[in-house]
C-alpha cells in the first residue's frame, strides 16, 4: 500500500514474536512508547496504523492531537471479531469516528463502522507481485500449499483427514510447528509435508512451485491473505465456502465445506478441471487490478483533500 500510494516511512514496531497474556503485558507498553516516540521524532502529517493491535490506535490518536495530524486505520478481520481488540468499545468507537477513514475487507465491517458514525473504505486486497527465488522441491505430480499458522480457525485436522484419502496429492503445510497442538502427529501422513516457518522469499517460492493453494477458515467474514497472495501469483485457490470468499474469489477457486469430505471433494474438483481454474485465475487477476485502481484513486483523493 505504501508503494502504490507513494507513501514513505513504513515501520514495524515489535520486540518479540512470543505470544500470550504474560508477554503482552510487557511488549505492548514497550511498543506503544516506541510508536509514540517515533511519531514525535518524524512528525508525519498523515499516519496509517494497522489494527490489531488496537492499542496502537490510541497512541497514534494522541500524537495526532498534539501535532494536528490525521490518521487512517487499516483494520483486519480480528479487529472486529475478537473481543480483546474491541474493549473498551466506547473508546474504539470514538477512535474510529476520529479517523480520516478505516480500511476494511468487506461490507459487513463497513456497516459496523457506519453504525458507529465512522467512515469505512472497503478494500479487500492490494494487488502486488511476489517473485520466486528458484523452485521449491516438490514430491508429487499434484502439489498443494496449505497456508497455515496453527490458528484456532484453521481446520487442519479436517485437511489431514482429507489428505489421508488423497495419496496421489502432496500437501505442503506452512507455519511454525512449535505452535502445533501436542496431539498433532506431524509424521503420520507420508503425503503431508510440514515446512515450518518460511521466510518471505522461500514462502513465495513455495506458492510459485505448487499447482494450487489452500486457505481455509472456520470464521465467517474473514479475508484470506494467503488466497490473495495466490491470486497475485496466478495459482488456483481452494478456500472455505463463506460469502466474502465466494464474492472476492469468484472464479479460479473451489469453495469447500470445512470438513474432510468437503475438502477432499474440492481437491478432486480442482484436479479434474485444473486447466479451467488456471485460466480463470488469470482473468480474475486482471479484474481485481482494475478494482484496485479505482479504490486507489478514491483513497488518494481522500488523503490529498485532508492533507
C-alpha atoms as a PDB file:
ATOM      1  CA  UNK A   1       0.000   0.000   0.000  1.00  0.00           C
ATOM      2  CA  UNK A   2       2.857   2.387   0.802  1.00  0.00           C
ATOM      3  CA  UNK A   3       4.430   1.755  -2.569  1.00  0.00           C
ATOM      4  CA  UNK A   4       1.164   2.078  -4.501  1.00  0.00           C
ATOM      5  CA  UNK A   5       0.171   5.322  -2.754  1.00  0.00           C
ATOM      6  CA  UNK A   6       3.638   6.835  -2.832  1.00  0.00           C
ATOM      7  CA  UNK A   7       3.901   6.908   0.962  1.00  0.00           C
ATOM      8  CA  UNK A   8       7.201   6.741   2.815  1.00  0.00           C
ATOM      9  CA  UNK A   9       8.296   5.678   6.262  1.00  0.00           C
ATOM     10  CA  UNK A  10       6.881   2.202   6.902  1.00  0.00           C
ATOM     11  CA  UNK A  11       7.782   0.909  10.371  1.00  0.00           C
ATOM     12  CA  UNK A  12       7.260  -2.467  12.051  1.00  0.00           C
ATOM     13  CA  UNK A  13       7.486  -1.952  15.785  1.00  0.00           C
ATOM     14  CA  UNK A  14       7.858  -5.098  17.882  1.00  0.00           C
ATOM     15  CA  UNK A  15      10.338  -6.583  20.309  1.00  0.00           C
ATOM     16  CA  UNK A  16       9.325 -10.253  20.303  1.00  0.00           C
ATOM     17  CA  UNK A  17       7.318 -12.793  18.305  1.00  0.00           C
ATOM     18  CA  UNK A  18       6.223 -14.518  21.501  1.00  0.00           C
ATOM     19  CA  UNK A  19       2.520 -14.519  22.317  1.00  0.00           C
ATOM     20  CA  UNK A  20       0.390 -14.888  25.407  1.00  0.00           C
ATOM     21  CA  UNK A  21      -1.027 -12.746  28.201  1.00  0.00           C
ATOM     22  CA  UNK A  22       2.158 -12.565  30.265  1.00  0.00           C
ATOM     23  CA  UNK A  23       4.382 -11.377  27.436  1.00  0.00           C
ATOM     24  CA  UNK A  24       1.648  -8.988  26.175  1.00  0.00           C
ATOM     25  CA  UNK A  25       1.692  -7.113  29.481  1.00  0.00           C
ATOM     26  CA  UNK A  26       5.334  -6.304  28.761  1.00  0.00           C
ATOM     27  CA  UNK A  27       5.532  -5.964  24.984  1.00  0.00           C
ATOM     28  CA  UNK A  28       2.536  -3.723  24.306  1.00  0.00           C
ATOM     29  CA  UNK A  29       3.543  -0.899  26.690  1.00  0.00           C
ATOM     30  CA  UNK A  30       7.065  -1.050  25.258  1.00  0.00           C
ATOM     31  CA  UNK A  31       5.810  -0.972  21.663  1.00  0.00           C
ATOM     32  CA  UNK A  32       3.349   1.815  22.468  1.00  0.00           C
ATOM     33  CA  UNK A  33       6.078   4.072  23.832  1.00  0.00           C
ATOM     34  CA  UNK A  34       8.309   3.300  20.844  1.00  0.00           C
ATOM     35  CA  UNK A  35       5.438   4.147  18.496  1.00  0.00           C
ATOM     36  CA  UNK A  36       4.766   7.482  20.186  1.00  0.00           C
ATOM     37  CA  UNK A  37       8.471   8.323  20.292  1.00  0.00           C
ATOM     38  CA  UNK A  38       8.890   7.529  16.608  1.00  0.00           C
ATOM     39  CA  UNK A  39       5.935   9.708  15.642  1.00  0.00           C
ATOM     40  CA  UNK A  40       7.122  12.652  17.726  1.00  0.00           C
ATOM     41  CA  UNK A  41      10.542  12.477  16.063  1.00  0.00           C
ATOM     42  CA  UNK A  42       9.288  12.003  12.485  1.00  0.00           C
ATOM     43  CA  UNK A  43       6.315  14.442  12.764  1.00  0.00           C
ATOM     44  CA  UNK A  44       4.253  12.970   9.870  1.00  0.00           C
ATOM     45  CA  UNK A  45       1.112  14.791   8.715  1.00  0.00           C
ATOM     46  CA  UNK A  46      -0.651  11.507   7.869  1.00  0.00           C
ATOM     47  CA  UNK A  47      -0.351   8.182   9.711  1.00  0.00           C
ATOM     48  CA  UNK A  48      -1.591   4.763   8.624  1.00  0.00           C
ATOM     49  CA  UNK A  49      -1.930   2.428  11.614  1.00  0.00           C
ATOM     50  CA  UNK A  50      -2.724  -1.282  11.486  1.00  0.00           C
ATOM     51  CA  UNK A  51      -5.298  -2.809  13.834  1.00  0.00           C
ATOM     52  CA  UNK A  52      -4.938  -5.171  15.585  1.00  0.00           C
ATOM     53  CA  UNK A  53      -3.272  -4.413  17.866  1.00  0.00           C
ATOM     54  CA  UNK A  54      -5.953  -1.824  18.507  1.00  0.00           C
ATOM     55  CA  UNK A  55      -3.848  -0.315  21.304  1.00  0.00           C
ATOM     56  CA  UNK A  56      -1.660   1.229  18.606  1.00  0.00           C
ATOM     57  CA  UNK A  57      -4.544   3.470  17.506  1.00  0.00           C
ATOM     58  CA  UNK A  58      -4.648   5.136  20.942  1.00  0.00           C
ATOM     59  CA  UNK A  59      -1.067   6.337  20.661  1.00  0.00           C
ATOM     60  CA  UNK A  60      -1.442   7.411  17.041  1.00  0.00           C
ATOM     61  CA  UNK A  61      -4.509   9.444  18.107  1.00  0.00           C
ATOM     62  CA  UNK A  62      -2.512  11.008  20.942  1.00  0.00           C
ATOM     63  CA  UNK A  63       0.208  12.026  18.517  1.00  0.00           C
ATOM     64  CA  UNK A  64      -2.337  13.463  16.067  1.00  0.00           C
ATOM     65  CA  UNK A  65      -3.908  15.514  18.859  1.00  0.00           C
ATOM     66  CA  UNK A  66      -0.542  17.088  19.621  1.00  0.00           C
ATOM     67  CA  UNK A  67       0.682  17.514  16.043  1.00  0.00           C
ATOM     68  CA  UNK A  68      -2.576  18.360  14.279  1.00  0.00           C
ATOM     69  CA  UNK A  69      -2.110  15.321  12.020  1.00  0.00           C
ATOM     70  CA  UNK A  70      -4.679  12.823  10.630  1.00  0.00           C
ATOM     71  CA  UNK A  71      -4.728   9.057  10.674  1.00  0.00           C
ATOM     72  CA  UNK A  72      -6.166   6.138   8.699  1.00  0.00           C
ATOM     73  CA  UNK A  73      -6.798   2.765  10.344  1.00  0.00           C
ATOM     74  CA  UNK A  74      -6.064  -0.403   8.354  1.00  0.00           C
ATOM     75  CA  UNK A  75      -8.392  -2.822  10.181  1.00  0.00           C
ATOM     76  CA  UNK A  76      -8.003  -6.555   9.680  1.00  0.00           C
ATOM     77  CA  UNK A  77     -10.760  -9.075  10.426  1.00  0.00           C
ATOM     78  CA  UNK A  78      -9.621  -9.721  14.004  1.00  0.00           C
ATOM     79  CA  UNK A  79     -10.214  -6.066  14.831  1.00  0.00           C
ATOM     80  CA  UNK A  80     -13.975  -6.785  14.647  1.00  0.00           C
ATOM     81  CA  UNK A  81     -14.116 -10.455  15.583  1.00  0.00           C
ATOM     82  CA  UNK A  82     -12.057 -10.848  18.755  1.00  0.00           C
ATOM     83  CA  UNK A  83     -13.379  -9.110  21.841  1.00  0.00           C
ATOM     84  CA  UNK A  84      -9.906  -8.315  23.173  1.00  0.00           C
ATOM     85  CA  UNK A  85      -9.422  -5.811  20.339  1.00  0.00           C
ATOM     86  CA  UNK A  86     -12.833  -4.162  20.890  1.00  0.00           C
ATOM     87  CA  UNK A  87     -12.585  -3.324  24.588  1.00  0.00           C
ATOM     88  CA  UNK A  88     -13.433  -0.815  25.825  1.00  0.00           C
ATOM     89  CA  UNK A  89     -15.944  -0.451  22.998  1.00  0.00           C
ATOM     90  CA  UNK A  90     -16.746   3.225  23.671  1.00  0.00           C
ATOM     91  CA  UNK A  91     -13.068   4.134  23.195  1.00  0.00           C
ATOM     92  CA  UNK A  92     -12.562   2.306  19.900  1.00  0.00           C
ATOM     93  CA  UNK A  93     -15.815   3.638  18.501  1.00  0.00           C
ATOM     94  CA  UNK A  94     -14.609   7.132  19.344  1.00  0.00           C
ATOM     95  CA  UNK A  95     -11.200   6.489  17.747  1.00  0.00           C
ATOM     96  CA  UNK A  96     -12.909   5.133  14.608  1.00  0.00           C
ATOM     97  CA  UNK A  97     -15.007   8.307  14.338  1.00  0.00           C
ATOM     98  CA  UNK A  98     -11.892  10.456  14.683  1.00  0.00           C
ATOM     99  CA  UNK A  99     -10.027   8.568  11.943  1.00  0.00           C
ATOM    100  CA  UNK A 100      -9.996  10.005   8.456  1.00  0.00           C
ATOM    101  CA  UNK A 101     -11.128   6.551   7.313  1.00  0.00           C
ATOM    102  CA  UNK A 102     -10.946   2.919   8.367  1.00  0.00           C
ATOM    103  CA  UNK A 103      -9.947   0.421   5.698  1.00  0.00           C
ATOM    104  CA  UNK A 104     -11.842  -2.880   5.994  1.00  0.00           C
ATOM    105  CA  UNK A 105     -12.025  -6.056   3.932  1.00  0.00           C
ATOM    106  CA  UNK A 106     -15.791  -6.338   3.458  1.00  0.00           C
ATOM    107  CA  UNK A 107     -19.143  -4.552   3.520  1.00  0.00           C
ATOM    108  CA  UNK A 108     -20.193  -6.218   6.789  1.00  0.00           C
ATOM    109  CA  UNK A 109     -17.413  -4.476   8.710  1.00  0.00           C
ATOM    110  CA  UNK A 110     -18.139  -1.306   6.757  1.00  0.00           C
ATOM    111  CA  UNK A 111     -21.737  -1.325   8.053  1.00  0.00           C
ATOM    112  CA  UNK A 112     -20.475  -1.722  11.620  1.00  0.00           C
ATOM    113  CA  UNK A 113     -18.297   1.363  11.196  1.00  0.00           C
ATOM    114  CA  UNK A 114     -21.157   3.337   9.684  1.00  0.00           C
ATOM    115  CA  UNK A 115     -23.322   2.450  12.701  1.00  0.00           C
ATOM    116  CA  UNK A 116     -20.574   3.984  14.868  1.00  0.00           C
ATOM    117  CA  UNK A 117     -20.613   7.188  12.811  1.00  0.00           C
ATOM    118  CA  UNK A 118     -17.206   6.371  11.276  1.00  0.00           C
ATOM    119  CA  UNK A 119     -16.095   6.414   7.632  1.00  0.00           C
ATOM    120  CA  UNK A 120     -15.309   2.986   6.126  1.00  0.00           C
ATOM    121  CA  UNK A 121     -13.352   2.258   2.969  1.00  0.00           C
ATOM    122  CA  UNK A 122     -13.804  -1.313   1.722  1.00  0.00           C
ATOM    123  CA  UNK A 123     -10.537  -2.530   0.245  1.00  0.00           C
ATOM    124  CA  UNK A 124     -10.248  -6.289   0.046  1.00  0.00           C
ATOM    125  CA  UNK A 125      -6.744  -6.526  -1.342  1.00  0.00           C
ATOM    126  CA  UNK A 126      -3.865  -4.553  -2.813  1.00  0.00           C
ATOM    127  CA  UNK A 127      -2.600  -6.485  -5.852  1.00  0.00           C
ATOM    128  CA  UNK A 128       1.158  -6.805  -5.937  1.00  0.00           C
ATOM    129  CA  UNK A 129       3.894  -9.134  -7.183  1.00  0.00           C
ATOM    130  CA  UNK A 130       5.734 -11.836  -5.265  1.00  0.00           C
ATOM    131  CA  UNK A 131       8.810 -13.030  -7.191  1.00  0.00           C
ATOM    132  CA  UNK A 132      10.111 -16.562  -6.729  1.00  0.00           C
ATOM    133  CA  UNK A 133      13.695 -17.401  -5.842  1.00  0.00           C
ATOM    134  CA  UNK A 134      14.267 -20.610  -7.769  1.00  0.00           C
ATOM    135  CA  UNK A 135      11.910 -23.531  -7.245  1.00  0.00           C
ATOM    136  CA  UNK A 136      10.714 -25.394  -4.165  1.00  0.00           C
ATOM    137  CA  UNK A 137      11.435 -29.124  -4.251  1.00  0.00           C
ATOM    138  CA  UNK A 138       8.127 -30.886  -4.945  1.00  0.00           C
ATOM    139  CA  UNK A 139       7.411 -34.558  -4.215  1.00  0.00           C
ATOM    140  CA  UNK A 140       4.177 -35.172  -6.109  1.00  0.00           C
ATOM    141  CA  UNK A 141       2.570 -34.756  -9.506  1.00  0.00           C
ATOM    142  CA  UNK A 142      -0.099 -32.521  -7.989  1.00  0.00           C
ATOM    143  CA  UNK A 143       1.039 -30.355  -5.100  1.00  0.00           C
ATOM    144  CA  UNK A 144      -0.935 -28.026  -2.828  1.00  0.00           C
ATOM    145  CA  UNK A 145       0.411 -25.359  -0.478  1.00  0.00           C
ATOM    146  CA  UNK A 146      -1.690 -25.152   2.683  1.00  0.00           C
ATOM    147  CA  UNK A 147      -1.335 -21.648   4.130  1.00  0.00           C
ATOM    148  CA  UNK A 148      -1.472 -22.372   7.844  1.00  0.00           C
ATOM    149  CA  UNK A 149      -0.375 -20.769  11.113  1.00  0.00           C
ATOM    150  CA  UNK A 150      -1.865 -23.318  13.553  1.00  0.00           C
ATOM    151  CA  UNK A 151      -4.533 -20.743  14.457  1.00  0.00           C
ATOM    152  CA  UNK A 152      -7.797 -21.826  16.079  1.00  0.00           C
ATOM    153  CA  UNK A 153      -9.895 -21.016  12.985  1.00  0.00           C
ATOM    154  CA  UNK A 154      -7.863 -23.228  10.633  1.00  0.00           C
ATOM    155  CA  UNK A 155      -9.448 -26.706  10.176  1.00  0.00           C
ATOM    156  CA  UNK A 156      -6.106 -28.516   9.976  1.00  0.00           C
ATOM    157  CA  UNK A 157      -7.481 -31.798  11.359  1.00  0.00           C
ATOM    158  CA  UNK A 158     -10.007 -31.936   8.511  1.00  0.00           C
ATOM    159  CA  UNK A 159      -7.254 -31.166   5.980  1.00  0.00           C
ATOM    160  CA  UNK A 160      -5.120 -34.044   7.301  1.00  0.00           C
ATOM    161  CA  UNK A 161      -8.090 -36.414   7.167  1.00  0.00           C
ATOM    162  CA  UNK A 162      -8.727 -35.402   3.562  1.00  0.00           C
ATOM    163  CA  UNK A 163      -5.038 -35.875   2.731  1.00  0.00           C
ATOM    164  CA  UNK A 164      -5.143 -39.455   4.019  1.00  0.00           C
ATOM    165  CA  UNK A 165      -7.692 -40.227   1.278  1.00  0.00           C
ATOM    166  CA  UNK A 166      -5.673 -38.455  -1.436  1.00  0.00           C
ATOM    167  CA  UNK A 167      -2.309 -40.279  -1.508  1.00  0.00           C
ATOM    168  CA  UNK A 168      -1.597 -39.002  -5.038  1.00  0.00           C
ATOM    169  CA  UNK A 169      -1.677 -35.367  -3.835  1.00  0.00           C
ATOM    170  CA  UNK A 170       1.098 -33.828  -1.747  1.00  0.00           C
ATOM    171  CA  UNK A 171       0.256 -31.124   0.794  1.00  0.00           C
ATOM    172  CA  UNK A 172       2.830 -28.569   1.995  1.00  0.00           C
ATOM    173  CA  UNK A 173       1.613 -27.154   5.311  1.00  0.00           C
ATOM    174  CA  UNK A 174       3.247 -23.890   6.380  1.00  0.00           C
ATOM    175  CA  UNK A 175       3.567 -22.494   9.886  1.00  0.00           C
ATOM    176  CA  UNK A 176       5.854 -22.702  12.884  1.00  0.00           C
ATOM    177  CA  UNK A 177       5.479 -26.293  14.133  1.00  0.00           C
ATOM    178  CA  UNK A 178       6.233 -25.111  17.680  1.00  0.00           C
ATOM    179  CA  UNK A 179       2.696 -23.722  17.662  1.00  0.00           C
ATOM    180  CA  UNK A 180       1.179 -27.056  16.605  1.00  0.00           C
ATOM    181  CA  UNK A 181      -1.147 -28.759  19.131  1.00  0.00           C
ATOM    182  CA  UNK A 182       0.671 -31.513  21.065  1.00  0.00           C
ATOM    183  CA  UNK A 183      -1.874 -34.055  19.809  1.00  0.00           C
ATOM    184  CA  UNK A 184      -0.940 -33.405  16.167  1.00  0.00           C
ATOM    185  CA  UNK A 185       1.249 -36.151  14.696  1.00  0.00           C
ATOM    186  CA  UNK A 186       3.497 -34.362  12.229  1.00  0.00           C
ATOM    187  CA  UNK A 187       4.779 -37.537  10.548  1.00  0.00           C
ATOM    188  CA  UNK A 188       1.553 -39.548  10.358  1.00  0.00           C
ATOM    189  CA  UNK A 189       0.814 -38.776   6.676  1.00  0.00           C
ATOM    190  CA  UNK A 190       3.500 -39.548   4.048  1.00  0.00           C
ATOM    191  CA  UNK A 191       1.976 -37.077   1.575  1.00  0.00           C
ATOM    192  CA  UNK A 192       1.869 -34.193   4.090  1.00  0.00           C
ATOM    193  CA  UNK A 193       4.979 -32.058   4.492  1.00  0.00           C
ATOM    194  CA  UNK A 194       5.228 -29.554   7.349  1.00  0.00           C
ATOM    195  CA  UNK A 195       7.509 -26.813   6.067  1.00  0.00           C
ATOM    196  CA  UNK A 196       7.974 -24.952   9.345  1.00  0.00           C
ATOM    197  CA  UNK A 197       8.012 -21.166   9.349  1.00  0.00           C
ATOM    198  CA  UNK A 198       9.241 -19.938   5.953  1.00  0.00           C
ATOM    199  CA  UNK A 199      10.899 -16.554   5.347  1.00  0.00           C
ATOM    200  CA  UNK A 200       9.121 -14.494   2.688  1.00  0.00           C
ATOM    201  CA  UNK A 201      11.402 -15.437  -0.185  1.00  0.00           C
ATOM    202  CA  UNK A 202      11.060 -19.177   0.404  1.00  0.00           C
ATOM    203  CA  UNK A 203       7.339 -18.909   1.160  1.00  0.00           C
ATOM    204  CA  UNK A 204       6.610 -17.195  -2.150  1.00  0.00           C
ATOM    205  CA  UNK A 205       8.834 -19.709  -3.919  1.00  0.00           C
ATOM    206  CA  UNK A 206       6.621 -22.450  -2.481  1.00  0.00           C
ATOM    207  CA  UNK A 207       3.462 -20.744  -3.765  1.00  0.00           C
ATOM    208  CA  UNK A 208       5.001 -20.383  -7.219  1.00  0.00           C
ATOM    209  CA  UNK A 209       6.002 -24.076  -7.269  1.00  0.00           C
ATOM    210  CA  UNK A 210       2.707 -25.774  -6.378  1.00  0.00           C
ATOM    211  CA  UNK A 211      -0.312 -26.380  -8.588  1.00  0.00           C
ATOM    212  CA  UNK A 212      -2.830 -24.823  -6.156  1.00  0.00           C
ATOM    213  CA  UNK A 213      -3.023 -23.019  -2.813  1.00  0.00           C
ATOM    214  CA  UNK A 214      -5.396 -23.951   0.036  1.00  0.00           C
ATOM    215  CA  UNK A 215      -6.558 -21.319   2.559  1.00  0.00           C
ATOM    216  CA  UNK A 216      -9.345 -22.342   4.923  1.00  0.00           C
ATOM    217  CA  UNK A 217     -11.054 -20.677   7.869  1.00  0.00           C
ATOM    218  CA  UNK A 218     -13.951 -21.658  10.120  1.00  0.00           C
ATOM    219  CA  UNK A 219     -14.763 -17.962  10.739  1.00  0.00           C
ATOM    220  CA  UNK A 220     -17.183 -16.044   8.561  1.00  0.00           C
ATOM    221  CA  UNK A 221     -16.225 -12.562   7.266  1.00  0.00           C
ATOM    222  CA  UNK A 222     -12.522 -13.433   7.362  1.00  0.00           C
ATOM    223  CA  UNK A 223     -10.482 -12.488   4.315  1.00  0.00           C
ATOM    224  CA  UNK A 224      -7.723 -14.953   3.454  1.00  0.00           C
ATOM    225  CA  UNK A 225      -4.355 -13.254   2.965  1.00  0.00           C
ATOM    226  CA  UNK A 226      -2.835 -16.433   1.546  1.00  0.00           C
ATOM    227  CA  UNK A 227      -5.586 -16.647  -1.070  1.00  0.00           C
ATOM    228  CA  UNK A 228      -4.874 -13.037  -2.086  1.00  0.00           C
ATOM    229  CA  UNK A 229      -1.196 -13.941  -2.468  1.00  0.00           C
ATOM    230  CA  UNK A 230      -2.170 -16.962  -4.550  1.00  0.00           C
ATOM    231  CA  UNK A 231      -4.305 -14.740  -6.796  1.00  0.00           C
ATOM    232  CA  UNK A 232      -1.413 -12.307  -7.218  1.00  0.00           C
ATOM    233  CA  UNK A 233       0.898 -15.165  -8.210  1.00  0.00           C
ATOM    234  CA  UNK A 234      -1.701 -16.707 -10.532  1.00  0.00           C
ATOM    235  CA  UNK A 235      -2.362 -20.012  -8.767  1.00  0.00           C
ATOM    236  CA  UNK A 236      -5.860 -21.520  -8.436  1.00  0.00           C
ATOM    237  CA  UNK A 237      -7.315 -21.454  -4.926  1.00  0.00           C
ATOM    238  CA  UNK A 238      -9.135 -23.861  -2.627  1.00  0.00           C
ATOM    239  CA  UNK A 239     -10.861 -21.856   0.087  1.00  0.00           C
ATOM    240  CA  UNK A 240     -13.767 -22.016   2.505  1.00  0.00           C
ATOM    241  CA  UNK A 241     -17.341 -21.547   1.390  1.00  0.00           C
ATOM    242  CA  UNK A 242     -18.108 -18.200   3.029  1.00  0.00           C
ATOM    243  CA  UNK A 243     -19.898 -15.281   1.275  1.00  0.00           C
ATOM    244  CA  UNK A 244     -16.921 -12.892   1.482  1.00  0.00           C
ATOM    245  CA  UNK A 245     -14.635 -15.502  -0.114  1.00  0.00           C
ATOM    246  CA  UNK A 246     -17.173 -16.522  -2.779  1.00  0.00           C
ATOM    247  CA  UNK A 247     -17.606 -12.861  -3.682  1.00  0.00           C
ATOM    248  CA  UNK A 248     -13.935 -11.937  -3.999  1.00  0.00           C
ATOM    249  CA  UNK A 249     -12.575 -15.247  -5.334  1.00  0.00           C
ATOM    250  CA  UNK A 250     -15.499 -15.649  -7.695  1.00  0.00           C
ATOM    251  CA  UNK A 251     -13.538 -17.591 -10.315  1.00  0.00           C
ATOM    252  CA  UNK A 252     -10.358 -19.608 -10.375  1.00  0.00           C
ATOM    253  CA  UNK A 253     -11.299 -21.058  -6.983  1.00  0.00           C
ATOM    254  CA  UNK A 254     -13.081 -24.030  -5.444  1.00  0.00           C
ATOM    255  CA  UNK A 255     -15.104 -23.196  -2.330  1.00  0.00           C
ATOM    256  CA  UNK A 256     -15.409 -26.061   0.124  1.00  0.00           C
ATOM    257  CA  UNK A 257     -17.037 -27.019   3.398  1.00  0.00           C
ATOM    258  CA  UNK A 258     -14.512 -27.186   6.247  1.00  0.00           C
ATOM    259  CA  UNK A 259     -14.870 -30.951   6.556  1.00  0.00           C
ATOM    260  CA  UNK A 260     -12.669 -33.830   5.416  1.00  0.00           C
ATOM    261  CA  UNK A 261     -15.255 -34.849   2.792  1.00  0.00           C
ATOM    262  CA  UNK A 262     -15.762 -31.297   1.578  1.00  0.00           C
ATOM    263  CA  UNK A 263     -12.030 -30.642   1.299  1.00  0.00           C
ATOM    264  CA  UNK A 264     -11.423 -33.955  -0.457  1.00  0.00           C
ATOM    265  CA  UNK A 265     -14.177 -33.268  -2.992  1.00  0.00           C
ATOM    266  CA  UNK A 266     -12.784 -29.789  -3.582  1.00  0.00           C
ATOM    267  CA  UNK A 267      -9.269 -31.097  -4.264  1.00  0.00           C
ATOM    268  CA  UNK A 268     -10.586 -33.659  -6.762  1.00  0.00           C
ATOM    269  CA  UNK A 269     -12.678 -30.993  -8.481  1.00  0.00           C
ATOM    270  CA  UNK A 270      -9.595 -28.786  -8.755  1.00  0.00           C
ATOM    271  CA  UNK A 271      -7.574 -31.651 -10.248  1.00  0.00           C
ATOM    272  CA  UNK A 272     -10.304 -32.683 -12.706  1.00  0.00           C
ATOM    273  CA  UNK A 273     -10.762 -29.148 -14.091  1.00  0.00           C
ATOM    274  CA  UNK A 274      -7.345 -27.684 -13.404  1.00  0.00           C
ATOM    275  CA  UNK A 275      -6.859 -26.068 -16.814  1.00  0.00           C
ATOM    276  CA  UNK A 276     -10.129 -24.155 -16.496  1.00  0.00           C
ATOM    277  CA  UNK A 277      -9.320 -22.923 -12.979  1.00  0.00           C
ATOM    278  CA  UNK A 278      -5.862 -21.816 -14.080  1.00  0.00           C
ATOM    279  CA  UNK A 279      -7.323 -19.792 -16.936  1.00  0.00           C
ATOM    280  CA  UNK A 280      -9.971 -18.268 -14.650  1.00  0.00           C
ATOM    281  CA  UNK A 281      -7.473 -17.137 -12.020  1.00  0.00           C
ATOM    282  CA  UNK A 282      -5.548 -15.180 -14.631  1.00  0.00           C
ATOM    283  CA  UNK A 283      -8.748 -13.447 -15.742  1.00  0.00           C
ATOM    284  CA  UNK A 284      -9.601 -12.660 -12.128  1.00  0.00           C
ATOM    285  CA  UNK A 285      -6.148 -11.097 -11.716  1.00  0.00           C
ATOM    286  CA  UNK A 286      -6.957  -8.581 -14.428  1.00  0.00           C
ATOM    287  CA  UNK A 287     -10.364  -7.776 -12.940  1.00  0.00           C
ATOM    288  CA  UNK A 288      -9.053  -7.239  -9.408  1.00  0.00           C
ATOM    289  CA  UNK A 289      -6.237  -4.986 -10.608  1.00  0.00           C
ATOM    290  CA  UNK A 290      -8.842  -2.744 -12.239  1.00  0.00           C
ATOM    291  CA  UNK A 291     -10.819  -2.687  -8.975  1.00  0.00           C
ATOM    292  CA  UNK A 292      -7.673  -1.684  -7.070  1.00  0.00           C
ATOM    293  CA  UNK A 293      -7.033   1.203  -9.455  1.00  0.00           C
ATOM    294  CA  UNK A 294     -10.489   2.602  -8.651  1.00  0.00           C
ATOM    295  CA  UNK A 295     -10.021   2.185  -4.885  1.00  0.00           C
ATOM    296  CA  UNK A 296      -6.504   3.612  -5.056  1.00  0.00           C
ATOM    297  CA  UNK A 297      -7.825   6.732  -6.762  1.00  0.00           C
ATOM    298  CA  UNK A 298     -10.552   7.148  -4.119  1.00  0.00           C
ATOM    299  CA  UNK A 299      -8.109   6.677  -1.219  1.00  0.00           C
ATOM    300  CA  UNK A 300      -5.510   9.031  -2.717  1.00  0.00           C
ATOM    301  CA  UNK A 301      -8.193  11.678  -3.304  1.00  0.00           C
ATOM    302  CA  UNK A 302      -9.370  11.393   0.314  1.00  0.00           C
ATOM    303  CA  UNK A 303      -5.839  11.786   1.660  1.00  0.00           C
ATOM    304  CA  UNK A 304      -4.986  14.765  -0.521  1.00  0.00           C
ATOM    305  CA  UNK A 305      -8.252  16.544   0.340  1.00  0.00           C
ATOM    306  CA  UNK A 306      -7.404  16.330   4.033  1.00  0.00           C
ATOM    307  CA  UNK A 307      -3.651  16.968   3.762  1.00  0.00           C
END
